[in-house]
Amino acid sequence: KIIPLTKPFRWCKARFTLTETGKIKVNGSR
């Protein structure tokens, strides 16, 4: 799948979010 960087995406059971300010949030598996 192709996911825009404006949306969160999941890779290897982790959730990555690129915010408008450039901060990168990484959340574990729910």
PDB file of all heavy atoms in Angstrom:
ATOM      1  N   LYS A   1       0.845  -1.206   0.000  1.00  0.00           N
ATOM      2  CA  LYS A   1       0.000   0.000   0.000  1.00  0.00           C
ATOM      3  C   LYS A   1       0.871   1.243   0.000  1.00  0.00           C
ATOM      4  O   LYS A   1       2.033   1.218   0.427  1.00  0.00           O
ATOM      5  CB  LYS A   1      -0.920  -0.002   1.216  1.00  0.00           C
ATOM      6  CG  LYS A   1      -0.196  -0.063   2.550  1.00  0.00           C
ATOM      7  CD  LYS A   1      -1.171  -0.176   3.725  1.00  0.00           C
ATOM      8  CE  LYS A   1      -1.781  -1.556   3.798  1.00  0.00           C
ATOM      9  NZ  LYS A   1      -2.601  -1.727   5.019  1.00  0.00           N
ATOM     10  N   ILE A   2       0.285   2.339  -0.490  1.00  0.00           N
ATOM     11  CA  ILE A   2       0.920   3.652  -0.489  1.00  0.00           C
ATOM     12  C   ILE A   2       0.120   4.550   0.442  1.00  0.00           C
ATOM     13  O   ILE A   2      -1.091   4.730   0.255  1.00  0.00           O
ATOM     14  CB  ILE A   2       0.991   4.243  -1.905  1.00  0.00           C
ATOM     15  CG1 ILE A   2       1.912   3.392  -2.787  1.00  0.00           C
ATOM     16  CG2 ILE A   2       1.489   5.687  -1.870  1.00  0.00           C
ATOM     17  CD1 ILE A   2       1.993   3.866  -4.228  1.00  0.00           C
ATOM     18  N   ILE A   3       0.784   5.104   1.453  1.00  0.00           N
ATOM     19  CA  ILE A   3       0.121   5.927   2.470  1.00  0.00           C
ATOM     20  C   ILE A   3       0.754   7.311   2.455  1.00  0.00           C
ATOM     21  O   ILE A   3       1.988   7.433   2.544  1.00  0.00           O
ATOM     22  CB  ILE A   3       0.260   5.293   3.870  1.00  0.00           C
ATOM     23  CG1 ILE A   3      -0.319   3.873   3.863  1.00  0.00           C
ATOM     24  CG2 ILE A   3      -0.427   6.144   4.929  1.00  0.00           C
ATOM     25  CD1 ILE A   3      -0.100   3.110   5.138  1.00  0.00           C
ATOM     26  N   PRO A   4      -0.053   8.383   2.335  1.00  0.00           N
ATOM     27  CA  PRO A   4       0.513   9.742   2.391  1.00  0.00           C
ATOM     28  C   PRO A   4       1.175  10.001   3.751  1.00  0.00           C
ATOM     29  O   PRO A   4       0.743   9.478   4.783  1.00  0.00           O
ATOM     30  CB  PRO A   4      -0.705  10.653   2.183  1.00  0.00           C
ATOM     31  CG  PRO A   4      -1.749   9.775   1.583  1.00  0.00           C
ATOM     32  CD  PRO A   4      -1.505   8.393   2.091  1.00  0.00           C
ATOM     33  N   LEU A   5       2.225  10.814   3.729  1.00  0.00           N
ATOM     34  CA  LEU A   5       2.931  11.121   4.971  1.00  0.00           C
ATOM     35  C   LEU A   5       2.128  12.015   5.897  1.00  0.00           C
ATOM     36  O   LEU A   5       2.511  12.207   7.055  1.00  0.00           O
ATOM     37  CB  LEU A   5       4.278  11.776   4.657  1.00  0.00           C
ATOM     38  CG  LEU A   5       5.315  10.867   4.001  1.00  0.00           C
ATOM     39  CD1 LEU A   5       6.576  11.637   3.676  1.00  0.00           C
ATOM     40  CD2 LEU A   5       5.635   9.674   4.891  1.00  0.00           C
ATOM     41  N   THR A   6       1.031  12.578   5.389  1.00  0.00           N
ATOM     42  CA  THR A   6       0.153  13.371   6.255  1.00  0.00           C
ATOM     43  C   THR A   6      -0.683  12.494   7.172  1.00  0.00           C
ATOM     44  O   THR A   6      -1.326  13.003   8.090  1.00  0.00           O
ATOM     45  CB  THR A   6      -0.768  14.246   5.397  1.00  0.00           C
ATOM     46  OG1 THR A   6      -1.470  13.413   4.458  1.00  0.00           O
ATOM     47  CG2 THR A   6       0.039  15.291   4.637  1.00  0.00           C
ATOM     48  N   LYS A   7      -0.668  11.167   6.918  1.00  0.00           N
ATOM     49  CA  LYS A   7      -1.432  10.234   7.739  1.00  0.00           C
ATOM     50  C   LYS A   7      -0.476   9.293   8.468  1.00  0.00           C
ATOM     51  O   LYS A   7       0.615   9.011   7.978  1.00  0.00           O
ATOM     52  CB  LYS A   7      -2.397   9.413   6.872  1.00  0.00           C
ATOM     53  CG  LYS A   7      -3.462  10.239   6.175  1.00  0.00           C
ATOM     54  CD  LYS A   7      -4.374   9.337   5.360  1.00  0.00           C
ATOM     55  CE  LYS A   7      -5.456  10.139   4.658  1.00  0.00           C
ATOM     56  NZ  LYS A   7      -6.347   9.262   3.850  1.00  0.00           N
ATOM     57  N   PRO A   8      -0.898   8.764   9.624  1.00  0.00           N
ATOM     58  CA  PRO A   8      -0.053   7.764  10.313  1.00  0.00           C
ATOM     59  C   PRO A   8      -0.005   6.463   9.505  1.00  0.00           C
ATOM     60  O   PRO A   8      -0.928   6.127   8.772  1.00  0.00           O
ATOM     61  CB  PRO A   8      -0.760   7.568  11.657  1.00  0.00           C
ATOM     62  CG  PRO A   8      -1.683   8.726  11.796  1.00  0.00           C
ATOM     63  CD  PRO A   8      -2.074   9.134  10.415  1.00  0.00           C
ATOM     64  N   PHE A   9       1.086   5.737   9.648  1.00  0.00           N
ATOM     65  CA  PHE A   9       1.211   4.436   8.994  1.00  0.00           C
ATOM     66  C   PHE A   9       1.865   3.460   9.966  1.00  0.00           C
ATOM     67  O   PHE A   9       2.601   3.855  10.870  1.00  0.00           O
ATOM     68  CB  PHE A   9       2.029   4.542   7.694  1.00  0.00           C
ATOM     69  CG  PHE A   9       3.453   4.970   7.879  1.00  0.00           C
ATOM     70  CD1 PHE A   9       4.471   4.049   8.039  1.00  0.00           C
ATOM     71  CD2 PHE A   9       3.791   6.316   7.879  1.00  0.00           C
ATOM     72  CE1 PHE A   9       5.787   4.437   8.202  1.00  0.00           C
ATOM     73  CE2 PHE A   9       5.108   6.723   8.045  1.00  0.00           C
ATOM     74  CZ  PHE A   9       6.106   5.790   8.208  1.00  0.00           C
ATOM     75  N   ARG A  10       1.573   2.169   9.755  1.00  0.00           N
ATOM     76  CA  ARG A  10       2.070   1.107  10.624  1.00  0.00           C
ATOM     77  C   ARG A  10       3.097   0.281   9.865  1.00  0.00           C
ATOM     78  O   ARG A  10       2.897  -0.095   8.709  1.00  0.00           O
ATOM     79  CB  ARG A  10       0.922   0.202  11.089  1.00  0.00           C
ATOM     80  CG  ARG A  10      -0.096   0.921  11.951  1.00  0.00           C
ATOM     81  CD  ARG A  10      -1.263  -0.014  12.282  1.00  0.00           C
ATOM     82  NE  ARG A  10      -0.845  -1.092  13.157  1.00  0.00           N
ATOM     83  CZ  ARG A  10      -0.835  -1.013  14.477  1.00  0.00           C
ATOM     84  NH1 ARG A  10      -1.231   0.095  15.075  1.00  0.00           N
ATOM     85  NH2 ARG A  10      -0.450  -2.038  15.214  1.00  0.00           N
ATOM     86  N   TRP A  11       4.207   0.027  10.546  1.00  0.00           N
ATOM     87  CA  TRP A  11       5.280  -0.802   9.977  1.00  0.00           C
ATOM     88  C   TRP A  11       5.917  -1.597  11.105  1.00  0.00           C
ATOM     89  O   TRP A  11       6.331  -1.034  12.121  1.00  0.00           O
ATOM     90  CB  TRP A  11       6.321   0.090   9.285  1.00  0.00           C
ATOM     91  CG  TRP A  11       7.440  -0.677   8.652  1.00  0.00           C
ATOM     92  CD1 TRP A  11       7.394  -1.382   7.491  1.00  0.00           C
ATOM     93  CD2 TRP A  11       8.770  -0.825   9.153  1.00  0.00           C
ATOM     94  NE1 TRP A  11       8.610  -1.961   7.240  1.00  0.00           N
ATOM     95  CE2 TRP A  11       9.480  -1.632   8.250  1.00  0.00           C
ATOM     96  CE3 TRP A  11       9.423  -0.351  10.288  1.00  0.00           C
ATOM     97  CZ2 TRP A  11      10.803  -1.988   8.440  1.00  0.00           C
ATOM     98  CZ3 TRP A  11      10.757  -0.703  10.481  1.00  0.00           C
ATOM     99  CH2 TRP A  11      11.436  -1.509   9.553  1.00  0.00           C
ATOM    100  N   CYS A  12       5.959  -2.920  10.929  1.00  0.00           N
ATOM    101  CA  CYS A  12       6.526  -3.824  11.943  1.00  0.00           C
ATOM    102  C   CYS A  12       5.868  -3.611  13.304  1.00  0.00           C
ATOM    103  O   CYS A  12       6.556  -3.461  14.333  1.00  0.00           O
ATOM    104  CB  CYS A  12       8.041  -3.642  12.043  1.00  0.00           C
ATOM    105  SG  CYS A  12       8.954  -4.405  10.698  1.00  0.00           S
ATOM    106  N   LYS A  13       4.553  -3.580  13.331  1.00  0.00           N
ATOM    107  CA  LYS A  13       3.764  -3.490  14.558  1.00  0.00           C
ATOM    108  C   LYS A  13       3.936  -2.152  15.286  1.00  0.00           C
ATOM    109  O   LYS A  13       3.546  -2.038  16.454  1.00  0.00           O
ATOM    110  CB  LYS A  13       4.103  -4.630  15.527  1.00  0.00           C
ATOM    111  CG  LYS A  13       3.912  -6.021  14.958  1.00  0.00           C
ATOM    112  CD  LYS A  13       2.455  -6.353  14.747  1.00  0.00           C
ATOM    113  CE  LYS A  13       2.284  -7.793  14.275  1.00  0.00           C
ATOM    114  NZ  LYS A  13       0.859  -8.153  14.082  1.00  0.00           N
ATOM    115  N   ALA A  14       4.506  -1.154  14.641  1.00  0.00           N
ATOM    116  CA  ALA A  14       4.669   0.167  15.251  1.00  0.00           C
ATOM    117  C   ALA A  14       3.949   1.200  14.394  1.00  0.00           C
ATOM    118  O   ALA A  14       3.842   1.053  13.170  1.00  0.00           O
ATOM    119  CB  ALA A  14       6.138   0.532  15.399  1.00  0.00           C
ATOM    120  N   ARG A  15       3.473   2.252  15.046  1.00  0.00           N
ATOM    121  CA  ARG A  15       2.702   3.300  14.371  1.00  0.00           C
ATOM    122  C   ARG A  15       3.535   4.581  14.321  1.00  0.00           C
ATOM    123  O   ARG A  15       3.927   5.127  15.362  1.00  0.00           O
ATOM    124  CB  ARG A  15       1.396   3.545  15.131  1.00  0.00           C
ATOM    125  CG  ARG A  15       0.422   4.517  14.477  1.00  0.00           C
ATOM    126  CD  ARG A  15      -0.874   4.499  15.262  1.00  0.00           C
ATOM    127  NE  ARG A  15      -1.885   5.370  14.693  1.00  0.00           N
ATOM    128  CZ  ARG A  15      -2.125   6.612  15.101  1.00  0.00           C
ATOM    129  NH1 ARG A  15      -1.408   7.133  16.107  1.00  0.00           N
ATOM    130  NH2 ARG A  15      -3.070   7.330  14.542  1.00  0.00           N
ATOM    131  N   PHE A  16       3.805   5.059  13.097  1.00  0.00           N
ATOM    132  CA  PHE A  16       4.623   6.247  12.881  1.00  0.00           C
ATOM    133  C   PHE A  16       3.727   7.413  12.458  1.00  0.00           C
ATOM    134  O   PHE A  16       2.867   7.249  11.589  1.00  0.00           O
ATOM    135  CB  PHE A  16       5.681   6.006  11.807  1.00  0.00           C
ATOM    136  CG  PHE A  16       6.722   4.994  12.189  1.00  0.00           C
ATOM    137  CD1 PHE A  16       6.496   3.632  12.036  1.00  0.00           C
ATOM    138  CD2 PHE A  16       7.935   5.394  12.726  1.00  0.00           C
ATOM    139  CE1 PHE A  16       7.446   2.704  12.385  1.00  0.00           C
ATOM    140  CE2 PHE A  16       8.899   4.465  13.083  1.00  0.00           C
ATOM    141  CZ  PHE A  16       8.654   3.128  12.916  1.00  0.00           C
ATOM    142  N   THR A  17       3.963   8.572  13.064  1.00  0.00           N
ATOM    143  CA  THR A  17       3.204   9.783  12.745  1.00  0.00           C
ATOM    144  C   THR A  17       4.178  10.928  12.544  1.00  0.00           C
ATOM    145  O   THR A  17       4.981  11.237  13.435  1.00  0.00           O
ATOM    146  CB  THR A  17       2.215  10.131  13.864  1.00  0.00           C
ATOM    147  OG1 THR A  17       1.380   8.994  14.146  1.00  0.00           O
ATOM    148  CG2 THR A  17       1.337  11.307  13.458  1.00  0.00           C
ATOM    149  N   LEU A  18       4.117  11.564  11.371  1.00  0.00           N
ATOM    150  CA  LEU A  18       4.927  12.750  11.069  1.00  0.00           C
ATOM    151  C   LEU A  18       4.020  13.966  11.195  1.00  0.00           C
ATOM    152  O   LEU A  18       3.129  14.184  10.371  1.00  0.00           O
ATOM    153  CB  LEU A  18       5.515  12.644   9.660  1.00  0.00           C
ATOM    154  CG  LEU A  18       6.396  13.812   9.198  1.00  0.00           C
ATOM    155  CD1 LEU A  18       7.614  13.978  10.104  1.00  0.00           C
ATOM    156  CD2 LEU A  18       6.844  13.607   7.754  1.00  0.00           C
ATOM    157  N   THR A  19       4.239  14.769  12.232  1.00  0.00           N
ATOM    158  CA  THR A  19       3.368  15.911  12.504  1.00  0.00           C
ATOM    159  C   THR A  19       3.727  17.095  11.604  1.00  0.00           C
ATOM    160  O   THR A  19       4.741  17.082  10.889  1.00  0.00           O
ATOM    161  CB  THR A  19       3.479  16.318  13.976  1.00  0.00           C
ATOM    162  OG1 THR A  19       4.826  16.751  14.245  1.00  0.00           O
ATOM    163  CG2 THR A  19       3.148  15.131  14.887  1.00  0.00           C
ATOM    164  N   GLU A  20       2.905  18.152  11.655  1.00  0.00           N
ATOM    165  CA  GLU A  20       3.139  19.346  10.834  1.00  0.00           C
ATOM    166  C   GLU A  20       4.414  20.076  11.238  1.00  0.00           C
ATOM    167  O   GLU A  20       5.030  20.760  10.422  1.00  0.00           O
ATOM    168  CB  GLU A  20       1.939  20.285  10.943  1.00  0.00           C
ATOM    169  CG  GLU A  20       0.661  19.709  10.367  1.00  0.00           C
ATOM    170  CD  GLU A  20      -0.515  20.670  10.502  1.00  0.00           C
ATOM    171  OE1 GLU A  20      -0.317  21.743  11.134  1.00  0.00           O
ATOM    172  OE2 GLU A  20      -1.593  20.368   9.988  1.00  0.00           O
ATOM    173  N   THR A  21       4.811  19.966  12.496  1.00  0.00           N
ATOM    174  CA  THR A  21       6.024  20.630  12.971  1.00  0.00           C
ATOM    175  C   THR A  21       7.286  19.803  12.727  1.00  0.00           C
ATOM    176  O   THR A  21       8.387  20.264  13.034  1.00  0.00           O
ATOM    177  CB  THR A  21       5.904  20.928  14.475  1.00  0.00           C
ATOM    178  OG1 THR A  21       5.727  19.693  15.190  1.00  0.00           O
ATOM    179  CG2 THR A  21       4.721  21.849  14.743  1.00  0.00           C
ATOM    180  N   GLY A  22       7.135  18.590  12.212  1.00  0.00           N
ATOM    181  CA  GLY A  22       8.278  17.732  11.954  1.00  0.00           C
ATOM    182  C   GLY A  22       8.571  16.749  13.067  1.00  0.00           C
ATOM    183  O   GLY A  22       9.531  15.963  12.962  1.00  0.00           O
ATOM    184  N   LYS A  23       7.790  16.774  14.138  1.00  0.00           N
ATOM    185  CA  LYS A  23       7.996  15.807  15.209  1.00  0.00           C
ATOM    186  C   LYS A  23       7.516  14.432  14.754  1.00  0.00           C
ATOM    187  O   LYS A  23       6.478  14.306  14.109  1.00  0.00           O
ATOM    188  CB  LYS A  23       7.245  16.240  16.467  1.00  0.00           C
ATOM    189  CG  LYS A  23       7.452  15.313  17.647  1.00  0.00           C
ATOM    190  CD  LYS A  23       6.699  15.783  18.879  1.00  0.00           C
ATOM    191  CE  LYS A  23       6.914  14.822  20.043  1.00  0.00           C
ATOM    192  NZ  LYS A  23       6.190  15.258  21.256  1.00  0.00           N
ATOM    193  N   ILE A  24       8.282  13.415  15.110  1.00  0.00           N
ATOM    194  CA  ILE A  24       7.973  12.045  14.710  1.00  0.00           C
ATOM    195  C   ILE A  24       7.582  11.257  15.947  1.00  0.00           C
ATOM    196  O   ILE A  24       8.381  11.098  16.870  1.00  0.00           O
ATOM    197  CB  ILE A  24       9.182  11.392  14.011  1.00  0.00           C
ATOM    198  CG1 ILE A  24       9.600  12.227  12.798  1.00  0.00           C
ATOM    199  CG2 ILE A  24       8.853   9.967  13.594  1.00  0.00           C
ATOM    200  CD1 ILE A  24      10.964  11.908  12.272  1.00  0.00           C
ATOM    201  N   LYS A  25       6.350  10.780  15.956  1.00  0.00           N
ATOM    202  CA  LYS A  25       5.851   9.986  17.073  1.00  0.00           C
ATOM    203  C   LYS A  25       5.861   8.516  16.678  1.00  0.00           C
ATOM    204  O   LYS A  25       5.444   8.160  15.572  1.00  0.00           O
ATOM    205  CB  LYS A  25       4.424  10.407  17.451  1.00  0.00           C
ATOM    206  CG  LYS A  25       4.310  11.835  17.957  1.00  0.00           C
ATOM    207  CD  LYS A  25       2.871  12.155  18.303  1.00  0.00           C
ATOM    208  CE  LYS A  25       2.716  13.582  18.804  1.00  0.00           C
ATOM    209  NZ  LYS A  25       1.295  13.904  19.116  1.00  0.00           N
ATOM    210  N   VAL A  26       6.315   7.694  17.576  1.00  0.00           N
ATOM    211  CA  VAL A  26       6.345   6.245  17.352  1.00  0.00           C
ATOM    212  C   VAL A  26       5.612   5.588  18.503  1.00  0.00           C
ATOM    213  O   VAL A  26       6.019   5.714  19.665  1.00  0.00           O
ATOM    214  CB  VAL A  26       7.785   5.708  17.263  1.00  0.00           C
ATOM    215  CG1 VAL A  26       7.772   4.231  16.897  1.00  0.00           C
ATOM    216  CG2 VAL A  26       8.600   6.489  16.246  1.00  0.00           C
ATOM    217  N   ASN A  27       4.528   4.912  18.191  1.00  0.00           N
ATOM    218  CA  ASN A  27       3.725   4.220  19.194  1.00  0.00           C
ATOM    219  C   ASN A  27       3.822   2.719  18.995  1.00  0.00           C
ATOM    220  O   ASN A  27       3.897   2.241  17.855  1.00  0.00           O
ATOM    221  CB  ASN A  27       2.259   4.647  19.120  1.00  0.00           C
ATOM    222  CG  ASN A  27       2.085   6.137  19.348  1.00  0.00           C
ATOM    223  OD1 ASN A  27       1.853   6.891  18.411  1.00  0.00           O
ATOM    224  ND2 ASN A  27       2.204   6.578  20.585  1.00  0.00           N
ATOM    225  N   GLY A  28       3.821   1.984  20.100  1.00  0.00           N
ATOM    226  CA  GLY A  28       3.886   0.535  20.033  1.00  0.00           C
ATOM    227  C   GLY A  28       2.589  -0.084  19.573  1.00  0.00           C
ATOM    228  O   GLY A  28       1.604   0.602  19.272  1.00  0.00           O
ATOM    229  N   SER A  29       2.588  -1.382  19.542  1.00  0.00           N
ATOM    230  CA  SER A  29       1.423  -2.107  19.044  1.00  0.00           C
ATOM    231  C   SER A  29       0.263  -2.002  20.031  1.00  0.00           C
ATOM    232  O   SER A  29       0.405  -2.297  21.222  1.00  0.00           O
ATOM    233  CB  SER A  29       1.782  -3.581  18.821  1.00  0.00           C
ATOM    234  OG  SER A  29       0.650  -4.332  18.493  1.00  0.00           O
ATOM    235  N   ARG A  30      -0.882  -1.574  19.524  1.00  0.00           N
ATOM    236  CA  ARG A  30      -2.080  -1.518  20.359  1.00  0.00           C
ATOM    237  C   ARG A  30      -2.569  -2.924  20.692  1.00  0.00           C
ATOM    238  O   ARG A  30      -3.077  -3.167  21.792  1.00  0.00           O
ATOM    239  CB  ARG A  30      -3.175  -0.729  19.629  1.00  0.00           C
ATOM    240  CG  ARG A  30      -4.446  -0.508  20.439  1.00  0.00           C
ATOM    241  CD  ARG A  30      -5.369   0.445  19.710  1.00  0.00           C
ATOM    242  NE  ARG A  30      -5.686  -0.027  18.369  1.00  0.00           N
ATOM    243  CZ  ARG A  30      -6.400   0.665  17.489  1.00  0.00           C
ATOM    244  NH1 ARG A  30      -6.858   1.864  17.812  1.00  0.00           N
ATOM    245  NH2 ARG A  30      -6.644   0.171  16.300  1.00  0.00           N
TER     246      ARG A  30
END
